[in-house]
């Protein structure tokens, strides 16, 4: 059946809503009042008392929204619960002042809701300050090219063990469109054994120095060891990419703060050696979110404030469908207030679906990169720089960056 006069609009950003209002002739004076009503938000709130959850339910219902609570809240038989608030932006704007004088921690919640709504209305402009340049991560998606100087990485292990070959590959990726070269000297593929600090440094430092001699190319070092990170920064690296989210080596946060180095904090469940041995989650997205939030707090306490990038860790202790769910729901990590990096390139979840080896996963990688950009990725970490640069150019044209 065709319904010729009705159409459900897909409006998920302010620019598109205002454009539609213009098309039907809405008075500009009334536009600002109605725009906020166009967005349905579902906000999960953690750590509520039962009385607080009941108050939220009552207040949201009075405003036209709703609040989903634990079934035992009414009986006051739970000490701490999560709730999901459901309403449009306008309803949340009206809720905030109503909570300011409420007990049970709801005043603090009103302040956090206010910050969240402002973030929705005016997304953060992320500037990544490096040693000699600044990358505007809000302007377009940035490409991080993968350069593994290892014998055993899952996709390109052994290809660039020689320093000259590695430097040539780094320069080649820059020519193809890479904004950052991410150099790793220890494989973190599932089941990989760790290597010594000295071995990692022997592989890493000559490549960093060789690439830097060719020009001021931003370099990130893929390591979870603070000593390796420090020597890499001294040799010219700009960014620390820590798969453990500052957890494996307690000195990593100190080194990052000492050199004022931007840091990528990633979620991992377990360690590379065992992370894919029957990983299990009760609530996967919530666990990743809280892990990253704690790592951000660790970074803040060390003195790092405006140079944190979050990575949900696709393929690091994740089941097949977990990786797809992360990509679908990637925008939820915007609430952490940091730019987002994803690294789906050539990974096994793509190979499992397509039944293809790692060197034949470029199309699958392209699909994940495109949806990642659509859902808010600021940096994509990839092997196939030329192809993914083209994907990102088109994907960026489909995304409204308000």
Protein backbone atom coordinates (compact mmCIF):
# COMPACT_ATOMS: atom_id res chain seq x y z
CA UNK A 1 0.00 0.00 0.00
CA UNK A 2 1.31 3.45 -0.91
CA UNK A 3 0.57 6.41 1.33
CA UNK A 4 1.11 9.33 -0.98
CA UNK A 5 0.64 12.24 1.41
CA UNK A 6 2.54 10.95 4.43
CA UNK A 7 6.25 10.43 4.95
CA UNK A 8 8.20 9.57 8.09
CA UNK A 9 11.21 11.89 8.15
CA UNK A 10 14.69 10.78 9.24
CA UNK A 11 15.92 13.82 11.10
CA UNK A 12 18.83 13.22 13.44
CA UNK A 13 20.62 16.58 13.42
CA UNK A 14 19.62 20.19 13.94
CA UNK A 15 20.57 21.34 10.44
CA UNK A 16 18.22 18.89 8.74
CA UNK A 17 15.34 19.78 11.07
CA UNK A 18 15.76 23.49 10.40
CA UNK A 19 15.96 22.82 6.67
CA UNK A 20 12.67 20.90 6.75
CA UNK A 21 11.05 23.68 8.77
CA UNK A 22 12.23 26.18 6.16
CA UNK A 23 10.80 24.04 3.36
CA UNK A 24 7.30 24.12 4.87
CA UNK A 25 7.50 27.82 5.76
CA UNK A 26 7.84 27.76 9.55
CA UNK A 27 8.22 31.20 11.14
CA UNK A 28 11.89 31.61 12.19
CA UNK A 29 10.74 33.08 15.50
CA UNK A 30 9.00 29.83 16.42
CA UNK A 31 11.63 27.53 14.99
CA UNK A 32 13.89 27.52 18.05
CA UNK A 33 11.03 26.37 20.27
CA UNK A 34 10.10 23.47 18.03
CA UNK A 35 13.50 22.15 16.98
CA UNK A 36 14.08 20.64 20.42
CA UNK A 37 10.85 18.65 20.11
CA UNK A 38 12.08 16.85 17.00
CA UNK A 39 14.66 14.68 18.75
CA UNK A 40 13.71 11.61 20.74
CA UNK A 41 16.44 10.77 23.24
CA UNK A 42 16.89 7.62 25.31
CA UNK A 43 19.24 8.39 28.19
CA UNK A 44 20.52 5.69 30.52
CA UNK A 45 21.16 6.84 34.09
CA UNK A 46 23.29 4.67 36.39
CA UNK A 47 23.47 4.32 40.16
CA UNK A 48 20.06 5.66 41.20
CA UNK A 49 18.35 4.95 44.48
CA UNK A 50 14.82 3.55 44.27
CA UNK A 51 13.24 6.85 45.45
CA UNK A 52 15.22 8.80 42.83
CA UNK A 53 14.08 6.42 40.11
CA UNK A 54 10.45 6.84 41.17
CA UNK A 55 10.72 10.64 41.13
CA UNK A 56 12.21 10.51 37.64
CA UNK A 57 9.34 8.30 36.50
CA UNK A 58 6.75 10.73 37.86
CA UNK A 59 8.45 13.82 36.46
CA UNK A 60 9.00 12.37 32.98
CA UNK A 61 5.38 11.18 32.76
CA UNK A 62 4.18 14.66 33.77
CA UNK A 63 6.18 16.16 30.89
CA UNK A 64 5.01 13.70 28.25
CA UNK A 65 8.03 11.41 28.37
CA UNK A 66 8.66 8.24 30.36
CA UNK A 67 11.22 6.44 32.49
CA UNK A 68 11.89 2.70 32.39
CA UNK A 69 12.77 1.36 35.85
CA UNK A 70 13.72 -1.94 37.48
CA UNK A 71 10.63 -3.98 38.35
CA UNK A 72 11.48 -3.95 42.09
CA UNK A 73 11.77 -0.15 42.39
CA UNK A 74 8.13 0.18 43.45
CA UNK A 75 8.75 -2.20 46.36
CA UNK A 76 11.97 -0.37 47.31
CA UNK A 77 13.76 -3.73 47.27
CA UNK A 78 16.86 -2.59 45.36
CA UNK A 79 19.68 -0.37 46.61
CA UNK A 80 21.01 0.87 43.28
CA UNK A 81 19.38 0.77 39.86
CA UNK A 82 19.78 2.08 36.35
CA UNK A 83 16.95 3.79 34.49
CA UNK A 84 16.28 4.80 30.90
CA UNK A 85 14.77 8.24 30.41
CA UNK A 86 12.75 8.62 27.22
CA UNK A 87 11.69 11.97 25.83
CA UNK A 88 12.48 14.70 23.37
CA UNK A 89 15.01 17.45 23.95
CA UNK A 90 12.29 19.92 24.93
CA UNK A 91 11.00 17.58 27.63
CA UNK A 92 14.48 17.13 29.03
CA UNK A 93 15.01 20.89 29.04
CA UNK A 94 11.85 21.19 31.15
CA UNK A 95 12.92 18.31 33.41
CA UNK A 96 16.27 19.84 34.36
CA UNK A 97 14.96 22.75 36.52
CA UNK A 98 12.42 20.43 38.16
CA UNK A 99 15.23 18.23 39.49
CA UNK A 100 17.37 21.02 40.94
CA UNK A 101 15.56 21.06 44.28
CA UNK A 102 14.98 17.33 44.54
CA UNK A 103 16.82 15.05 47.02
CA UNK A 104 18.50 11.68 46.40
CA UNK A 105 21.26 13.08 44.18
CA UNK A 106 18.87 14.47 41.57
CA UNK A 107 20.34 17.98 41.77
CA UNK A 108 23.66 16.61 40.50
CA UNK A 109 21.79 14.65 37.84
CA UNK A 110 20.12 17.85 36.65
CA UNK A 111 23.56 19.42 36.12
CA UNK A 112 24.78 16.39 34.17
CA UNK A 113 21.63 16.35 32.03
CA UNK A 114 22.14 20.02 31.25
CA UNK A 115 25.69 19.31 30.04
CA UNK A 116 24.47 16.36 27.98
CA UNK A 117 21.73 18.35 26.24
CA UNK A 118 24.22 21.12 25.44
CA UNK A 119 26.52 18.49 23.93
CA UNK A 120 23.63 17.27 21.78
CA UNK A 121 22.82 20.79 20.62
CA UNK A 122 26.44 21.87 20.13
CA UNK A 123 28.83 18.94 19.57
CA UNK A 124 32.38 19.47 20.82
CA UNK A 125 35.00 20.81 18.42
CA UNK A 126 38.01 18.54 18.87
CA UNK A 127 41.49 19.93 18.24
CA UNK A 128 44.31 17.40 18.60
CA UNK A 129 47.44 19.37 19.52
CA UNK A 130 50.66 17.65 18.50
CA UNK A 131 54.26 18.83 18.84
CA UNK A 132 54.34 20.96 15.70
CA UNK A 133 50.79 21.00 14.36
CA UNK A 134 47.14 20.76 15.31
CA UNK A 135 44.67 18.34 13.71
CA UNK A 136 41.07 19.55 13.49
CA UNK A 137 39.25 16.28 14.14
CA UNK A 138 35.84 17.94 13.83
CA UNK A 139 36.38 19.08 10.24
CA UNK A 140 36.65 15.62 8.67
CA UNK A 141 37.51 12.02 9.43
CA UNK A 142 41.24 11.50 9.90
CA UNK A 143 43.11 8.45 8.65
CA UNK A 144 45.55 6.57 10.87
CA UNK A 145 47.69 4.25 8.77
CA UNK A 146 48.80 0.98 10.36
CA UNK A 147 52.51 0.15 10.18
CA UNK A 148 53.42 -3.09 11.95
CA UNK A 149 57.14 -3.76 12.33
CA UNK A 150 56.51 -7.26 13.68
CA UNK A 151 56.99 -10.80 12.38
CA UNK A 152 53.57 -12.01 13.56
CA UNK A 153 50.83 -9.37 13.18
CA UNK A 154 47.63 -10.95 11.85
CA UNK A 155 47.50 -9.10 8.52
CA UNK A 156 50.91 -7.74 7.56
CA UNK A 157 53.32 -9.46 9.94
CA UNK A 158 56.84 -9.75 8.52
CA UNK A 159 56.24 -7.38 5.60
CA UNK A 160 58.02 -4.40 7.14
CA UNK A 161 60.57 -5.86 9.54
CA UNK A 162 63.46 -4.11 7.78
CA UNK A 163 63.76 -0.45 8.68
CA UNK A 164 64.04 0.80 5.08
CA UNK A 165 60.92 -1.11 4.03
CA UNK A 166 58.99 0.20 7.03
CA UNK A 167 60.00 3.81 6.40
CA UNK A 168 59.07 3.51 2.71
CA UNK A 169 55.66 2.11 3.68
CA UNK A 170 55.10 4.95 6.14
CA UNK A 171 55.88 7.57 3.49
CA UNK A 172 53.71 5.71 0.98
CA UNK A 173 50.73 5.81 3.35
CA UNK A 174 51.16 9.55 3.87
CA UNK A 175 51.18 10.05 0.10
CA UNK A 176 47.96 8.00 -0.07
CA UNK A 177 46.24 10.22 2.48
CA UNK A 178 47.20 9.10 5.99
CA UNK A 179 47.12 11.87 8.59
CA UNK A 180 48.87 9.80 11.27
CA UNK A 181 51.15 6.75 11.06
CA UNK A 182 50.57 4.27 13.89
CA UNK A 183 53.67 2.15 14.43
CA UNK A 184 53.49 -1.06 16.41
CA UNK A 185 56.45 -3.29 17.29
CA UNK A 186 54.59 -5.94 19.30
CA UNK A 187 51.71 -7.91 17.85
CA UNK A 188 48.46 -7.65 19.82
CA UNK A 189 46.57 -10.15 17.68
CA UNK A 190 44.53 -12.73 19.63
CA UNK A 191 46.86 -15.27 21.23
CA UNK A 192 50.02 -13.22 20.68
CA UNK A 193 52.92 -13.55 23.11
CA UNK A 194 54.46 -10.36 24.52
CA UNK A 195 57.96 -9.25 23.56
CA UNK A 196 60.60 -7.60 25.73
CA UNK A 197 60.94 -3.83 25.98
CA UNK A 198 64.36 -3.98 24.35
CA UNK A 199 63.09 -5.99 21.39
CA UNK A 200 60.17 -3.62 20.93
CA UNK A 201 62.46 -0.59 21.05
CA UNK A 202 64.97 -2.13 18.63
CA UNK A 203 62.21 -2.60 16.08
CA UNK A 204 60.49 0.71 16.72
CA UNK A 205 62.98 3.54 17.20
CA UNK A 206 64.84 3.33 13.84
CA UNK A 207 61.51 3.44 11.99
CA UNK A 208 60.26 6.48 13.91
CA UNK A 209 63.52 8.31 13.30
CA UNK A 210 63.55 7.32 9.63
CA UNK A 211 60.02 8.58 8.98
CA UNK A 212 60.63 11.81 10.88
CA UNK A 213 63.69 12.50 8.74
CA UNK A 214 61.37 12.55 5.73
CA UNK A 215 59.17 15.30 7.18
CA UNK A 216 57.01 16.33 10.11
CA UNK A 217 54.65 13.37 9.85
CA UNK A 218 52.43 12.75 12.91
CA UNK A 219 53.33 9.39 14.46
CA UNK A 220 51.55 7.38 17.12
CA UNK A 221 53.25 4.54 18.94
CA UNK A 222 51.15 1.43 19.55
CA UNK A 223 52.40 0.22 22.94
CA UNK A 224 51.19 -0.42 26.47
CA UNK A 225 54.69 -0.12 28.01
CA UNK A 226 55.64 3.24 29.52
CA UNK A 227 59.38 2.85 28.87
CA UNK A 228 58.73 2.13 25.18
CA UNK A 229 56.33 5.07 24.96
CA UNK A 230 58.86 7.45 26.53
CA UNK A 231 61.70 6.44 24.21
CA UNK A 232 59.36 6.66 21.22
CA UNK A 233 58.31 10.19 22.15
CA UNK A 234 61.94 11.22 22.60
CA UNK A 235 62.61 9.86 19.10
CA UNK A 236 59.80 11.90 17.55
CA UNK A 237 56.48 10.12 18.17
CA UNK A 238 53.55 12.41 18.93
CA UNK A 239 50.77 10.15 20.26
CA UNK A 240 50.59 7.14 22.60
CA UNK A 241 48.14 4.45 21.48
CA UNK A 242 47.60 2.23 24.54
CA UNK A 243 45.42 -0.85 23.99
CA UNK A 244 44.98 -1.23 27.76
CA UNK A 245 43.49 2.21 28.40
CA UNK A 246 46.34 3.06 30.83
CA UNK A 247 45.73 -0.14 32.84
CA UNK A 248 48.63 -2.54 32.08
CA UNK A 249 51.43 -0.14 33.06
CA UNK A 250 50.68 2.32 35.87
CA UNK A 251 53.49 4.63 34.73
CA UNK A 252 51.96 5.19 31.29
CA UNK A 253 49.75 8.04 32.48
CA UNK A 254 52.78 9.68 34.08
CA UNK A 255 54.77 9.53 30.85
CA UNK A 256 51.88 10.88 28.78
CA UNK A 257 51.46 13.80 31.17
CA UNK A 258 55.22 14.44 31.41
CA UNK A 259 55.53 14.91 27.65
CA UNK A 260 52.03 16.34 27.16
CA UNK A 261 51.38 13.58 24.63
CA UNK A 262 47.86 12.84 23.38
CA UNK A 263 46.81 9.33 24.34
CA UNK A 264 44.42 6.83 22.78
CA UNK A 265 42.74 4.81 25.52
CA UNK A 266 41.19 1.57 24.33
CA UNK A 267 38.91 -1.02 25.91
CA UNK A 268 40.23 -4.55 26.10
CA UNK A 269 38.79 -7.54 27.95
CA UNK A 270 41.71 -9.56 29.26
CA UNK A 271 45.08 -9.49 27.51
CA UNK A 272 46.03 -10.21 23.88
CA UNK A 273 47.08 -13.74 24.89
CA UNK A 274 43.64 -14.66 26.24
CA UNK A 275 41.18 -11.95 25.18
CA UNK A 276 39.38 -14.11 22.60
CA UNK A 277 39.04 -17.16 24.87
CA UNK A 278 35.26 -17.20 25.39
CA UNK A 279 34.76 -13.49 26.15
CA UNK A 280 31.51 -12.85 28.02
CA UNK A 281 29.54 -9.72 28.89
CA UNK A 282 26.39 -9.11 30.91
CA UNK A 283 25.98 -5.69 29.27
CA UNK A 284 28.70 -5.18 26.68
CA UNK A 285 28.12 -1.51 25.80
CA UNK A 286 27.77 -0.52 29.44
CA UNK A 287 30.97 -2.36 30.37
CA UNK A 288 32.97 -0.70 27.58
CA UNK A 289 31.54 2.73 28.40
CA UNK A 290 32.38 2.44 32.10
CA UNK A 291 35.86 1.06 31.38
CA UNK A 292 36.63 4.04 29.13
CA UNK A 293 35.11 6.49 31.61
CA UNK A 294 37.39 5.12 34.34
CA UNK A 295 40.42 5.37 32.04
CA UNK A 296 39.51 8.98 31.25
CA UNK A 297 39.40 9.69 34.98
CA UNK A 298 42.84 8.08 35.38
CA UNK A 299 44.16 10.36 32.63
CA UNK A 300 42.55 13.45 34.16
CA UNK A 301 44.04 12.71 37.57
CA UNK A 302 47.47 12.50 35.93
CA UNK A 303 47.02 15.93 34.37
CA UNK A 304 45.79 14.99 30.89
CA UNK A 305 42.67 16.98 30.06
CA UNK A 306 42.24 17.86 26.41
CA UNK A 307 44.31 15.21 24.67
CA UNK A 308 42.37 11.98 25.18
CA UNK A 309 40.97 9.82 22.37
CA UNK A 310 38.72 6.83 23.11
CA UNK A 311 38.66 3.53 21.22
CA UNK A 312 35.99 0.88 22.02
CA UNK A 313 38.43 -1.85 21.02
CA UNK A 314 36.83 -3.67 18.11
CA UNK A 315 38.18 -7.23 18.08
CA UNK A 316 39.83 -6.99 21.50
CA UNK A 317 37.90 -9.44 23.67
CA UNK A 318 34.72 -9.18 21.60
CA UNK A 319 32.39 -11.81 20.17
CA UNK A 320 31.38 -11.66 16.51
CA UNK A 321 28.17 -9.68 16.96
CA UNK A 322 29.70 -7.46 19.66
CA UNK A 323 31.81 -5.78 16.98
CA UNK A 324 28.80 -4.99 14.82
CA UNK A 325 26.86 -3.69 17.83
CA UNK A 326 29.73 -1.36 18.73
CA UNK A 327 29.69 0.09 15.22
CA UNK A 328 25.89 0.46 15.22
CA UNK A 329 25.87 2.18 18.60
CA UNK A 330 29.17 4.06 18.29
CA UNK A 331 27.53 7.45 18.84
CA UNK A 332 26.81 6.52 22.47
CA UNK A 333 30.49 7.09 23.22
CA UNK A 334 30.11 10.79 22.31
CA UNK A 335 28.86 11.31 25.87
CA UNK A 336 32.41 10.67 27.11
CA UNK A 337 33.35 14.04 25.61
CA UNK A 338 36.37 12.77 23.66
CA UNK A 339 37.07 12.12 19.97
CA UNK A 340 36.47 8.50 18.92
CA UNK A 341 38.88 6.18 17.11
CA UNK A 342 37.87 2.85 15.58
CA UNK A 343 40.10 0.07 14.26
CA UNK A 344 38.02 -2.47 12.30
CA UNK A 345 40.53 -2.90 9.48
CA UNK A 346 40.75 -6.44 8.03
CA UNK A 347 39.73 -7.96 11.37
CA UNK A 348 38.42 -11.48 11.85
CA UNK A 349 34.79 -10.47 12.39
CA UNK A 350 34.79 -9.28 8.77
CA UNK A 351 36.53 -12.45 7.62
CA UNK A 352 34.10 -14.65 9.57
CA UNK A 353 31.09 -13.13 7.81
CA UNK A 354 32.62 -13.01 4.33
CA UNK A 355 34.70 -16.19 4.72
CA UNK A 356 37.77 -14.39 3.38
CA UNK A 357 41.43 -14.16 4.46
CA UNK A 358 42.79 -10.91 5.88
CA UNK A 359 44.22 -9.65 2.57
CA UNK A 360 40.78 -9.86 0.90
CA UNK A 361 38.75 -7.86 3.40
CA UNK A 362 39.03 -4.38 1.91
CA UNK A 363 35.33 -4.17 0.92
CA UNK A 364 34.21 -5.39 4.32
CA UNK A 365 36.52 -2.90 5.97
CA UNK A 366 35.08 -0.15 3.78
CA UNK A 367 31.56 -0.95 4.99
CA UNK A 368 32.60 -0.78 8.64
CA UNK A 369 34.53 2.45 8.11
CA UNK A 370 31.57 4.10 6.37
CA UNK A 371 29.12 3.20 9.13
CA UNK A 372 31.71 4.21 11.72
CA UNK A 373 32.00 7.66 10.17
CA UNK A 374 28.21 7.91 9.95
CA UNK A 375 27.98 7.15 13.67
CA UNK A 376 30.64 9.57 14.80
CA UNK A 377 34.17 8.21 14.39
CA UNK A 378 36.79 10.96 14.21
CA UNK A 379 39.78 8.72 13.37
CA UNK A 380 39.84 5.40 11.53
CA UNK A 381 42.85 3.12 11.95
CA UNK A 382 43.36 1.17 8.71
CA UNK A 383 45.78 -0.86 6.60
CA UNK A 384 44.39 0.13 3.18
CA UNK A 385 44.94 3.87 3.35
CA UNK A 386 44.23 4.82 -0.27
CA UNK A 387 40.92 2.96 -0.39
CA UNK A 388 39.72 4.06 3.07
CA UNK A 389 40.66 7.67 2.38
CA UNK A 390 38.26 7.59 -0.56
CA UNK A 391 35.58 5.94 1.57
CA UNK A 392 35.94 8.65 4.20
CA UNK A 393 35.77 11.50 1.68
CA UNK A 394 32.37 10.26 0.53
CA UNK A 395 31.17 9.28 4.02
CA UNK A 396 32.08 12.74 5.32
CA UNK A 397 29.82 14.30 2.68
CA UNK A 398 26.93 12.24 4.08
CA UNK A 399 27.52 13.39 7.65
CA UNK A 400 26.33 16.75 8.92
CA UNK A 401 29.02 18.13 11.24
CA UNK A 402 27.13 20.74 13.20
